[in-house]
PDB file of N, CA and C in Angstrom:
ATOM      1  N   MET A   1     -14.716  -4.676   1.967  1.00  0.00           N
ATOM      2  CA  MET A   1     -14.360  -3.288   1.789  1.00  0.00           C
ATOM      3  C   MET A   1     -13.493  -3.179   0.546  1.00  0.00           C
ATOM      4  N   ASP A   2     -13.650  -2.092  -0.197  1.00  0.00           N
ATOM      5  CA  ASP A   2     -12.815  -1.848  -1.368  1.00  0.00           C
ATOM      6  C   ASP A   2     -11.382  -1.616  -0.906  1.00  0.00           C
ATOM      7  N   THR A   3     -10.463  -2.358  -1.489  1.00  0.00           N
ATOM      8  CA  THR A   3      -9.059  -2.279  -1.096  1.00  0.00           C
ATOM      9  C   THR A   3      -8.200  -2.072  -2.336  1.00  0.00           C
ATOM     10  N   THR A   4      -7.383  -1.032  -2.298  1.00  0.00           N
ATOM     11  CA  THR A   4      -6.420  -0.772  -3.360  1.00  0.00           C
ATOM     12  C   THR A   4      -5.037  -1.000  -2.774  1.00  0.00           C
ATOM     13  N   VAL A   5      -4.266  -1.880  -3.419  1.00  0.00           N
ATOM     14  CA  VAL A   5      -2.904  -2.157  -2.975  1.00  0.00           C
ATOM     15  C   VAL A   5      -1.959  -1.717  -4.089  1.00  0.00           C
ATOM     16  N   LYS A   6      -1.061  -0.788  -3.754  1.00  0.00           N
ATOM     17  CA  LYS A   6      -0.089  -0.274  -4.714  1.00  0.00           C
ATOM     18  C   LYS A   6       1.306  -0.719  -4.284  1.00  0.00           C
ATOM     19  N   TYR A   7       2.041  -1.321  -5.203  1.00  0.00           N
ATOM     20  CA  TYR A   7       3.396  -1.791  -4.939  1.00  0.00           C
ATOM     21  C   TYR A   7       4.381  -0.850  -5.621  1.00  0.00           C
ATOM     22  N   ILE A   8       5.334  -0.312  -4.851  1.00  0.00           N
ATOM     23  CA  ILE A   8       6.305   0.659  -5.336  1.00  0.00           C
ATOM     24  C   ILE A   8       7.716   0.097  -5.123  1.00  0.00           C
ATOM     25  N   VAL A   9       8.550   0.165  -6.170  1.00  0.00           N
ATOM     26  CA  VAL A   9       9.922  -0.342  -6.086  1.00  0.00           C
ATOM     27  C   VAL A   9      10.852   0.735  -5.535  1.00  0.00           C
ATOM     28  N   LEU A  10      11.593   0.396  -4.482  1.00  0.00           N
ATOM     29  CA  LEU A  10      12.580   1.323  -3.926  1.00  0.00           C
ATOM     30  C   LEU A  10      13.988   1.017  -4.419  1.00  0.00           C
ATOM     31  N   LYS A  11      14.269  -0.267  -4.727  1.00  0.00           N
ATOM     32  CA  LYS A  11      15.611  -0.609  -5.176  1.00  0.00           C
ATOM     33  C   LYS A  11      15.557  -1.851  -6.060  1.00  0.00           C
ATOM     34  N   SER A  12      16.104  -1.715  -7.262  1.00  0.00           N
ATOM     35  CA  SER A  12      16.169  -2.826  -8.204  1.00  0.00           C
ATOM     36  C   SER A  12      17.059  -2.429  -9.363  1.00  0.00           C
ATOM     37  N   LYS A  13      17.762  -3.399  -9.941  1.00  0.00           N
ATOM     38  CA  LYS A  13      18.571  -3.082 -11.121  1.00  0.00           C
ATOM     39  C   LYS A  13      17.696  -2.958 -12.370  1.00  0.00           C
ATOM     40  N   ASP A  14      16.483  -3.533 -12.342  1.00  0.00           N
ATOM     41  CA  ASP A  14      15.586  -3.507 -13.496  1.00  0.00           C
ATOM     42  C   ASP A  14      14.559  -2.375 -13.465  1.00  0.00           C
ATOM     43  N   TYR A  15      14.374  -1.751 -12.306  1.00  0.00           N
ATOM     44  CA  TYR A  15      13.355  -0.705 -12.162  1.00  0.00           C
ATOM     45  C   TYR A  15      13.987   0.533 -11.536  1.00  0.00           C
ATOM     46  N   GLN A  16      13.509   1.699 -11.962  1.00  0.00           N
ATOM     47  CA  GLN A  16      13.988   2.960 -11.409  1.00  0.00           C
ATOM     48  C   GLN A  16      13.343   3.213 -10.045  1.00  0.00           C
ATOM     49  N   LEU A  17      14.044   3.922  -9.180  1.00  0.00           N
ATOM     50  CA  LEU A  17      13.554   4.253  -7.840  1.00  0.00           C
ATOM     51  C   LEU A  17      12.168   4.886  -7.902  1.00  0.00           C
ATOM     52  N   GLY A  18      11.233   4.368  -7.127  1.00  0.00           N
ATOM     53  CA  GLY A  18       9.889   4.921  -7.051  1.00  0.00           C
ATOM     54  C   GLY A  18       8.945   4.457  -8.142  1.00  0.00           C
ATOM     55  N   THR A  19       9.388   3.509  -8.955  1.00  0.00           N
ATOM     56  CA  THR A  19       8.546   3.010 -10.041  1.00  0.00           C
ATOM     57  C   THR A  19       7.369   2.208  -9.491  1.00  0.00           C
ATOM     58  N   PRO A  20       6.148   2.539  -9.906  1.00  0.00           N
ATOM     59  CA  PRO A  20       5.011   1.693  -9.520  1.00  0.00           C
ATOM     60  C   PRO A  20       5.161   0.320 -10.178  1.00  0.00           C
ATOM     61  N   LEU A  21       5.162  -0.721  -9.383  1.00  0.00           N
ATOM     62  CA  LEU A  21       5.326  -2.072  -9.905  1.00  0.00           C
ATOM     63  C   LEU A  21       4.007  -2.582 -10.472  1.00  0.00           C
ATOM     64  N   PHE A  22       2.971  -2.572  -9.639  1.00  0.00           N
ATOM     65  CA  PHE A  22       1.618  -2.900 -10.085  1.00  0.00           C
ATOM     66  C   PHE A  22       0.643  -2.485  -9.003  1.00  0.00           C
ATOM     67  N   GLN A  23      -0.638  -2.560  -9.339  1.00  0.00           N
ATOM     68  CA  GLN A  23      -1.702  -2.159  -8.419  1.00  0.00           C
ATOM     69  C   GLN A  23      -2.804  -3.200  -8.479  1.00  0.00           C
ATOM     70  N   GLU A  24      -3.370  -3.517  -7.320  1.00  0.00           N
ATOM     71  CA  GLU A  24      -4.474  -4.471  -7.248  1.00  0.00           C
ATOM     72  C   GLU A  24      -5.702  -3.788  -6.674  1.00  0.00           C
ATOM     73  N   GLU A  25      -6.857  -4.105  -7.217  1.00  0.00           N
ATOM     74  CA  GLU A  25      -8.141  -3.646  -6.693  1.00  0.00           C
ATOM     75  C   GLU A  25      -8.846  -4.889  -6.150  1.00  0.00           C
ATOM     76  N   LEU A  26      -9.064  -4.942  -4.837  1.00  0.00           N
ATOM     77  CA  LEU A  26      -9.595  -6.137  -4.189  1.00  0.00           C
ATOM     78  C   LEU A  26     -10.789  -5.806  -3.310  1.00  0.00           C
ATOM     79  N   LYS A  27     -11.528  -6.834  -2.952  1.00  0.00           N
ATOM     80  CA  LYS A  27     -12.559  -6.740  -1.908  1.00  0.00           C
ATOM     81  C   LYS A  27     -12.012  -7.538  -0.730  1.00  0.00           C
ATOM     82  N   GLU A  28     -11.501  -6.843   0.270  1.00  0.00           N
ATOM     83  CA  GLU A  28     -10.878  -7.501   1.423  1.00  0.00           C
ATOM     84  C   GLU A  28     -11.362  -6.850   2.715  1.00  0.00           C
ATOM     85  N   ASP A  29     -11.185  -7.568   3.808  1.00  0.00           N
ATOM     86  CA  ASP A  29     -11.563  -7.013   5.102  1.00  0.00           C
ATOM     87  C   ASP A  29     -10.406  -6.200   5.689  1.00  0.00           C
ATOM     88  N   SER A  30     -10.614  -5.692   6.875  1.00  0.00           N
ATOM     89  CA  SER A  30      -9.638  -4.794   7.488  1.00  0.00           C
ATOM     90  C   SER A  30      -8.363  -5.506   7.931  1.00  0.00           C
ATOM     91  N   THR A  31      -8.331  -6.826   7.919  1.00  0.00           N
ATOM     92  CA  THR A  31      -7.127  -7.550   8.338  1.00  0.00           C
ATOM     93  C   THR A  31      -6.172  -7.833   7.180  1.00  0.00           C
ATOM     94  N   TYR A  32      -6.519  -7.447   5.971  1.00  0.00           N
ATOM     95  CA  TYR A  32      -5.674  -7.753   4.817  1.00  0.00           C
ATOM     96  C   TYR A  32      -4.278  -7.156   4.944  1.00  0.00           C
ATOM     97  N   PHE A  33      -4.164  -5.984   5.515  1.00  0.00           N
ATOM     98  CA  PHE A  33      -2.871  -5.313   5.705  1.00  0.00           C
ATOM     99  C   PHE A  33      -1.874  -6.244   6.396  1.00  0.00           C
ATOM    100  N   ASP A  34      -2.323  -6.949   7.416  1.00  0.00           N
ATOM    101  CA  ASP A  34      -1.448  -7.843   8.178  1.00  0.00           C
ATOM    102  C   ASP A  34      -1.156  -9.145   7.444  1.00  0.00           C
ATOM    103  N   ARG A  35      -1.926  -9.464   6.419  1.00  0.00           N
ATOM    104  CA  ARG A  35      -1.746 -10.716   5.680  1.00  0.00           C
ATOM    105  C   ARG A  35      -0.918 -10.566   4.408  1.00  0.00           C
ATOM    106  N   ILE A  36      -0.427  -9.373   4.116  1.00  0.00           N
ATOM    107  CA  ILE A  36       0.417  -9.185   2.937  1.00  0.00           C
ATOM    108  C   ILE A  36       1.730  -9.925   3.183  1.00  0.00           C
ATOM    109  N   PRO A  37       2.137 -10.792   2.244  1.00  0.00           N
ATOM    110  CA  PRO A  37       3.350 -11.595   2.468  1.00  0.00           C
ATOM    111  C   PRO A  37       4.624 -10.743   2.489  1.00  0.00           C
ATOM    112  N   GLU A  38       5.673 -11.301   3.073  1.00  0.00           N
ATOM    113  CA  GLU A  38       6.968 -10.606   3.165  1.00  0.00           C
ATOM    114  C   GLU A  38       7.706 -10.582   1.824  1.00  0.00           C
ATOM    115  N   VAL A  39       7.379 -11.536   0.946  1.00  0.00           N
ATOM    116  CA  VAL A  39       8.005 -11.600  -0.376  1.00  0.00           C
ATOM    117  C   VAL A  39       6.902 -11.605  -1.427  1.00  0.00           C
ATOM    118  N   ILE A  40       7.021 -10.702  -2.399  1.00  0.00           N
ATOM    119  CA  ILE A  40       6.055 -10.574  -3.492  1.00  0.00           C
ATOM    120  C   ILE A  40       6.714 -11.100  -4.765  1.00  0.00           C
ATOM    121  N   LYS A  41       6.008 -11.932  -5.504  1.00  0.00           N
ATOM    122  CA  LYS A  41       6.491 -12.427  -6.805  1.00  0.00           C
ATOM    123  C   LYS A  41       5.732 -11.674  -7.901  1.00  0.00           C
ATOM    124  N   TYR A  42       6.494 -11.128  -8.867  1.00  0.00           N
ATOM    125  CA  TYR A  42       5.879 -10.396  -9.971  1.00  0.00           C
ATOM    126  C   TYR A  42       6.760 -10.537 -11.205  1.00  0.00           C
ATOM    127  N   GLN A  43       6.203 -11.025 -12.281  1.00  0.00           N
ATOM    128  CA  GLN A  43       6.899 -11.201 -13.561  1.00  0.00           C
ATOM    129  C   GLN A  43       8.254 -11.890 -13.383  1.00  0.00           C
ATOM    130  N   SER A  44       8.227 -13.032 -12.739  1.00  0.00           N
ATOM    131  CA  SER A  44       9.400 -13.881 -12.477  1.00  0.00           C
ATOM    132  C   SER A  44      10.498 -13.187 -11.659  1.00  0.00           C
ATOM    133  N   HIS A  45      10.160 -12.131 -10.941  1.00  0.00           N
ATOM    134  CA  HIS A  45      11.078 -11.462 -10.020  1.00  0.00           C
ATOM    135  C   HIS A  45      10.522 -11.609  -8.602  1.00  0.00           C
ATOM    136  N   SER A  46      11.403 -11.599  -7.629  1.00  0.00           N
ATOM    137  CA  SER A  46      10.995 -11.614  -6.222  1.00  0.00           C
ATOM    138  C   SER A  46      11.353 -10.279  -5.591  1.00  0.00           C
ATOM    139  N   PHE A  47      10.422  -9.758  -4.808  1.00  0.00           N
ATOM    140  CA  PHE A  47      10.614  -8.474  -4.132  1.00  0.00           C
ATOM    141  C   PHE A  47      10.335  -8.642  -2.655  1.00  0.00           C
ATOM    142  N   LYS A  48      11.224  -8.110  -1.816  1.00  0.00           N
ATOM    143  CA  LYS A  48      11.045  -8.155  -0.368  1.00  0.00           C
ATOM    144  C   LYS A  48      10.302  -6.908   0.068  1.00  0.00           C
ATOM    145  N   VAL A  49       9.289  -7.086   0.880  1.00  0.00           N
ATOM    146  CA  VAL A  49       8.523  -5.959   1.405  1.00  0.00           C
ATOM    147  C   VAL A  49       9.373  -5.236   2.443  1.00  0.00           C
ATOM    148  N   LEU A  50       9.596  -3.950   2.214  1.00  0.00           N
ATOM    149  CA  LEU A  50      10.395  -3.137   3.125  1.00  0.00           C
ATOM    150  C   LEU A  50       9.501  -2.402   4.120  1.00  0.00           C
ATOM    151  N   SER A  51       8.373  -1.889   3.634  1.00  0.00           N
ATOM    152  CA  SER A  51       7.433  -1.195   4.516  1.00  0.00           C
ATOM    153  C   SER A  51       6.043  -1.198   3.902  1.00  0.00           C
ATOM    154  N   LYS A  52       5.036  -0.955   4.761  1.00  0.00           N
ATOM    155  CA  LYS A  52       3.640  -0.879   4.330  1.00  0.00           C
ATOM    156  C   LYS A  52       2.996   0.319   5.012  1.00  0.00           C
ATOM    157  N   GLU A  53       2.129   1.012   4.266  1.00  0.00           N
ATOM    158  CA  GLU A  53       1.381   2.142   4.816  1.00  0.00           C
ATOM    159  C   GLU A  53      -0.097   1.917   4.538  1.00  0.00           C
ATOM    160  N   LEU A  54      -0.929   2.186   5.511  1.00  0.00           N
ATOM    161  CA  LEU A  54      -2.368   1.947   5.394  1.00  0.00           C
ATOM    162  C   LEU A  54      -3.133   3.245   5.592  1.00  0.00           C
ATOM    163  N   THR A  55      -4.096   3.499   4.686  1.00  0.00           N
ATOM    164  CA  THR A  55      -5.014   4.632   4.821  1.00  0.00           C
ATOM    165  C   THR A  55      -6.428   4.082   4.680  1.00  0.00           C
ATOM    166  N   ARG A  56      -7.280   4.360   5.661  1.00  0.00           N
ATOM    167  CA  ARG A  56      -8.682   3.925   5.588  1.00  0.00           C
ATOM    168  C   ARG A  56      -9.577   5.147   5.537  1.00  0.00           C
ATOM    169  N   LEU A  57     -10.591   5.055   4.678  1.00  0.00           N
ATOM    170  CA  LEU A  57     -11.559   6.140   4.542  1.00  0.00           C
ATOM    171  C   LEU A  57     -12.962   5.598   4.780  1.00  0.00           C
ATOM    172  N   HIS A  58     -13.757   6.369   5.500  1.00  0.00           N
ATOM    173  CA  HIS A  58     -15.164   6.030   5.721  1.00  0.00           C
ATOM    174  C   HIS A  58     -15.994   7.219   5.257  1.00  0.00           C
ATOM    175  N   SER A  59     -16.798   6.996   4.225  1.00  0.00           N
ATOM    176  CA  SER A  59     -17.652   8.049   3.699  1.00  0.00           C
ATOM    177  C   SER A  59     -18.996   7.994   4.419  1.00  0.00           C
ATOM    178  N   ILE A  60     -19.288   9.022   5.175  1.00  0.00           N
ATOM    179  CA  ILE A  60     -20.548   9.077   5.922  1.00  0.00           C
ATOM    180  C   ILE A  60     -21.724   9.259   4.968  1.00  0.00           C
ATOM    181  N   ASP A  61     -21.551  10.075   3.935  1.00  0.00           N
ATOM    182  CA  ASP A  61     -22.635  10.332   2.983  1.00  0.00           C
ATOM    183  C   ASP A  61     -23.058   9.062   2.246  1.00  0.00           C
ATOM    184  N   GLU A  62     -22.084   8.280   1.807  1.00  0.00           N
ATOM    185  CA  GLU A  62     -22.386   7.079   1.039  1.00  0.00           C
ATOM    186  C   GLU A  62     -22.362   5.810   1.880  1.00  0.00           C
ATOM    187  N   ASN A  63     -21.970   5.946   3.146  1.00  0.00           N
ATOM    188  CA  ASN A  63     -21.848   4.825   4.075  1.00  0.00           C
ATOM    189  C   ASN A  63     -20.991   3.706   3.489  1.00  0.00           C
ATOM    190  N   THR A  64     -19.817   4.076   2.981  1.00  0.00           N
ATOM    191  CA  THR A  64     -18.885   3.102   2.421  1.00  0.00           C
ATOM    192  C   THR A  64     -17.531   3.240   3.105  1.00  0.00           C
ATOM    193  N   GLU A  65     -16.783   2.148   3.088  1.00  0.00           N
ATOM    194  CA  GLU A  65     -15.430   2.145   3.618  1.00  0.00           C
ATOM    195  C   GLU A  65     -14.487   1.686   2.526  1.00  0.00           C
ATOM    196  N   SER A  66     -13.305   2.264   2.512  1.00  0.00           N
ATOM    197  CA  SER A  66     -12.276   1.826   1.579  1.00  0.00           C
ATOM    198  C   SER A  66     -10.925   1.946   2.269  1.00  0.00           C
ATOM    199  N   GLN A  67      -9.975   1.193   1.758  1.00  0.00           N
ATOM    200  CA  GLN A  67      -8.627   1.285   2.289  1.00  0.00           C
ATOM    201  C   GLN A  67      -7.627   1.253   1.145  1.00  0.00           C
ATOM    202  N   THR A  68      -6.542   2.005   1.331  1.00  0.00           N
ATOM    203  CA  THR A  68      -5.449   2.019   0.374  1.00  0.00           C
ATOM    204  C   THR A  68      -4.193   1.594   1.108  1.00  0.00           C
ATOM    205  N   ILE A  69      -3.503   0.619   0.534  1.00  0.00           N
ATOM    206  CA  ILE A  69      -2.276   0.109   1.136  1.00  0.00           C
ATOM    207  C   ILE A  69      -1.143   0.377   0.156  1.00  0.00           C
ATOM    208  N   LEU A  70      -0.114   1.050   0.624  1.00  0.00           N
ATOM    209  CA  LEU A  70       1.067   1.330  -0.175  1.00  0.00           C
ATOM    210  C   LEU A  70       2.174   0.401   0.332  1.00  0.00           C
ATOM    211  N   VAL A  71       2.656  -0.484  -0.553  1.00  0.00           N
ATOM    212  CA  VAL A  71       3.683  -1.456  -0.190  1.00  0.00           C
ATOM    213  C   VAL A  71       4.977  -1.080  -0.900  1.00  0.00           C
ATOM    214  N   LYS A  72       6.028  -0.812  -0.140  1.00  0.00           N
ATOM    215  CA  LYS A  72       7.321  -0.461  -0.715  1.00  0.00           C
ATOM    216  C   LYS A  72       8.212  -1.697  -0.687  1.00  0.00           C
ATOM    217  N   VAL A  73       8.775  -2.014  -1.860  1.00  0.00           N
ATOM    218  CA  VAL A  73       9.550  -3.255  -1.995  1.00  0.00           C
ATOM    219  C   VAL A  73      10.928  -2.992  -2.564  1.00  0.00           C
ATOM    220  N   ILE A  74      11.846  -3.940  -2.320  1.00  0.00           N
ATOM    221  CA  ILE A  74      13.170  -3.932  -2.936  1.00  0.00           C
ATOM    222  C   ILE A  74      13.370  -5.277  -3.624  1.00  0.00           C
ATOM    223  N   ALA A  75      14.113  -5.273  -4.710  1.00  0.00           N
ATOM    224  CA  ALA A  75      14.349  -6.501  -5.457  1.00  0.00           C
ATOM    225  C   ALA A  75      15.275  -7.418  -4.655  1.00  0.00           C
ATOM    226  N   MET A  76      14.987  -8.708  -4.748  1.00  0.00           N
ATOM    227  CA  MET A  76      15.829  -9.710  -4.111  1.00  0.00           C
ATOM    228  C   MET A  76      16.744 -10.289  -5.187  1.00  0.00           C
ATOM    229  N   VAL A  77      17.991 -10.501  -4.843  1.00  0.00           N
ATOM    230  CA  VAL A  77      18.945 -11.089  -5.783  1.00  0.00           C
ATOM    231  C   VAL A  77      18.732 -12.585  -5.815  1.00  0.00           C
ATOM    232  N   SER A  78      18.555 -13.132  -7.012  1.00  0.00           N
ATOM    233  CA  SER A  78      18.311 -14.574  -7.147  1.00  0.00           C
ATOM    234  C   SER A  78      19.592 -15.358  -7.154  1.00  0.00           C
TER     235      SER A  78
END
């Protein structure tokens, strides 16, 4: 299934509140939401996952499924 994962920063000294960190476009199954790690590494920074939101869409006309996962993270102090 087409999976879009968007990472949003809620707290960091290097990023402003609500800044999109990065986005991934993947082909994953419906269990990917549960397999997202608790700590995300990006550009030599570590971010702790604070919350995750899942939206799944099924298009009857095109017979396709997609999911969007919004991951909210905070910076971890090294």
